[in-house]
Amino acid sequence: MTDAQRLFGVRLLHTVIYVVMATASLLVLYGGISGAAGTWLTVAVALVVIETLVFTAGGLKCPLTAVAVKYGAGQDGLFDTFLPERFTRHTFRIFGPIILLGLLLLTVRQWSAAG
């Protein structure tokens, strides 16, 4: 397998994970705002927690980015996902507050329901 093929695979996997995590983040916020709950919310919260642990353990960098760079990302206009880099470079600024607000609202709802 060539580096170009490996890079394609890493970029594809990273893009799928990015979309899943963006969706999970928005679902956490939706659950916090609306009060809706279910297995989907439990899965979304679990994914967000796991992703937060992965980023924290990786020094606030995605480990897949390093793998993509190893296979040539950053050269010839190729990035670590198939999404536009001008969008993905703002991931923390966009999704950080969304996740924090969603988790805060979920926590407030839990405390209100328990009291």
Protein backbone atom coordinates (compact mmCIF):
# COMPACT_ATOMS: atom_id res chain seq x y z
CA MET A 1 0.00 0.00 0.00
CA THR A 2 1.37 3.42 -0.95
CA ASP A 3 1.53 6.45 1.33
CA ALA A 4 -1.11 8.11 -0.85
CA GLN A 5 -3.48 5.19 -0.26
CA ARG A 6 -2.75 5.22 3.47
CA LEU A 7 -3.37 8.97 3.56
CA PHE A 8 -6.68 8.48 1.74
CA GLY A 9 -7.73 5.88 4.34
CA VAL A 10 -6.68 8.06 7.28
CA ARG A 11 -8.44 11.10 5.81
CA LEU A 12 -11.60 9.07 5.20
CA LEU A 13 -11.58 7.62 8.73
CA HIS A 14 -10.83 11.04 10.23
CA THR A 15 -13.65 12.66 8.24
CA VAL A 16 -16.15 10.02 9.36
CA ILE A 17 -15.07 10.42 13.00
CA TYR A 18 -15.27 14.21 12.68
CA VAL A 19 -18.82 14.07 11.35
CA VAL A 20 -19.91 11.56 14.01
CA MET A 21 -18.35 13.68 16.78
CA ALA A 22 -19.86 16.91 15.45
CA THR A 23 -23.26 15.20 15.40
CA ALA A 24 -22.75 13.84 18.92
CA SER A 25 -21.80 17.32 20.16
CA LEU A 26 -24.94 18.83 18.66
CA LEU A 27 -27.06 16.01 20.11
CA VAL A 28 -25.66 16.73 23.59
CA LEU A 29 -26.61 20.39 23.17
CA TYR A 30 -30.05 19.44 21.85
CA GLY A 31 -30.63 17.12 24.81
CA GLY A 32 -29.57 19.84 27.20
CA ILE A 33 -31.83 22.47 25.65
CA SER A 34 -34.90 20.34 24.96
CA GLY A 35 -34.80 17.86 27.81
CA ALA A 36 -35.17 15.04 25.31
CA ALA A 37 -33.40 11.88 26.36
CA GLY A 38 -32.85 8.33 25.27
CA THR A 39 -30.21 5.88 24.24
CA TRP A 40 -29.06 8.28 21.51
CA LEU A 41 -28.20 10.89 24.15
CA THR A 42 -26.34 8.38 26.30
CA VAL A 43 -24.29 7.31 23.28
CA ALA A 44 -23.63 10.94 22.30
CA VAL A 45 -22.46 11.86 25.80
CA ALA A 46 -20.24 8.77 25.96
CA LEU A 47 -18.68 9.63 22.59
CA VAL A 48 -18.06 13.22 23.65
CA VAL A 49 -16.44 12.09 26.91
CA ILE A 50 -14.21 9.57 25.09
CA GLU A 51 -13.22 12.16 22.50
CA THR A 52 -12.41 14.66 25.25
CA LEU A 53 -10.17 12.08 26.95
CA VAL A 54 -8.41 11.29 23.66
CA PHE A 55 -7.76 14.98 22.96
CA THR A 56 -6.62 15.63 26.52
CA ALA A 57 -4.26 12.65 26.48
CA GLY A 58 -2.92 13.80 23.10
CA GLY A 59 -2.05 17.31 24.27
CA LEU A 60 -5.21 18.79 22.71
CA LYS A 61 -4.27 17.39 19.31
CA CYS A 62 -5.98 14.61 17.44
CA PRO A 63 -3.73 11.56 17.09
CA LEU A 64 -5.07 10.97 13.56
CA THR A 65 -3.67 14.33 12.45
CA ALA A 66 -0.14 13.11 13.24
CA VAL A 67 -0.78 9.90 11.30
CA ALA A 68 -2.11 11.88 8.33
CA VAL A 69 0.97 14.13 8.37
CA LYS A 70 3.18 11.04 8.43
CA TYR A 71 1.58 9.96 5.15
CA GLY A 72 1.71 13.35 3.46
CA ALA A 73 -1.08 15.56 4.79
CA GLY A 74 -0.12 19.21 4.57
CA GLN A 75 1.52 18.70 1.19
CA ASP A 76 -0.11 19.48 -2.16
CA GLY A 77 -3.10 21.07 -0.43
CA LEU A 78 -4.12 17.80 1.27
CA PHE A 79 -5.27 18.03 4.86
CA ASP A 80 -6.06 15.47 7.54
CA THR A 81 -9.75 15.22 6.57
CA PHE A 82 -11.75 15.73 3.40
CA LEU A 83 -13.41 18.75 5.01
CA PRO A 84 -12.08 22.24 4.26
CA GLU A 85 -9.16 23.07 6.56
CA ARG A 86 -10.47 26.60 7.06
CA PHE A 87 -13.45 24.97 8.83
CA THR A 88 -11.70 22.22 10.80
CA ARG A 89 -9.04 24.54 12.23
CA HIS A 90 -11.82 26.13 14.32
CA THR A 91 -13.05 22.84 15.80
CA PHE A 92 -12.18 23.70 19.40
CA ARG A 93 -13.67 27.19 19.19
CA ILE A 94 -16.88 25.88 17.67
CA PHE A 95 -17.48 22.58 19.42
CA GLY A 96 -15.85 23.31 22.78
CA PRO A 97 -18.57 25.78 23.85
CA ILE A 98 -21.30 23.60 22.31
CA ILE A 99 -20.16 20.58 24.33
CA LEU A 100 -19.66 22.57 27.54
CA LEU A 101 -23.06 24.24 27.29
CA GLY A 102 -24.79 20.96 26.44
CA LEU A 103 -23.18 19.12 29.36
CA LEU A 104 -23.92 22.01 31.71
CA LEU A 105 -27.59 22.06 30.68
CA LEU A 106 -27.82 18.28 31.04
CA THR A 107 -26.29 18.51 34.52
CA VAL A 108 -28.70 21.27 35.57
CA ARG A 109 -31.63 19.20 34.26
CA GLN A 110 -30.42 16.15 36.21
CA TRP A 111 -30.07 18.15 39.43
CA SER A 112 -33.48 19.74 38.94
CA ALA A 113 -35.10 16.37 38.35
CA ALA A 114 -33.41 14.88 41.43
CA GLY A 115 -34.46 17.74 43.72
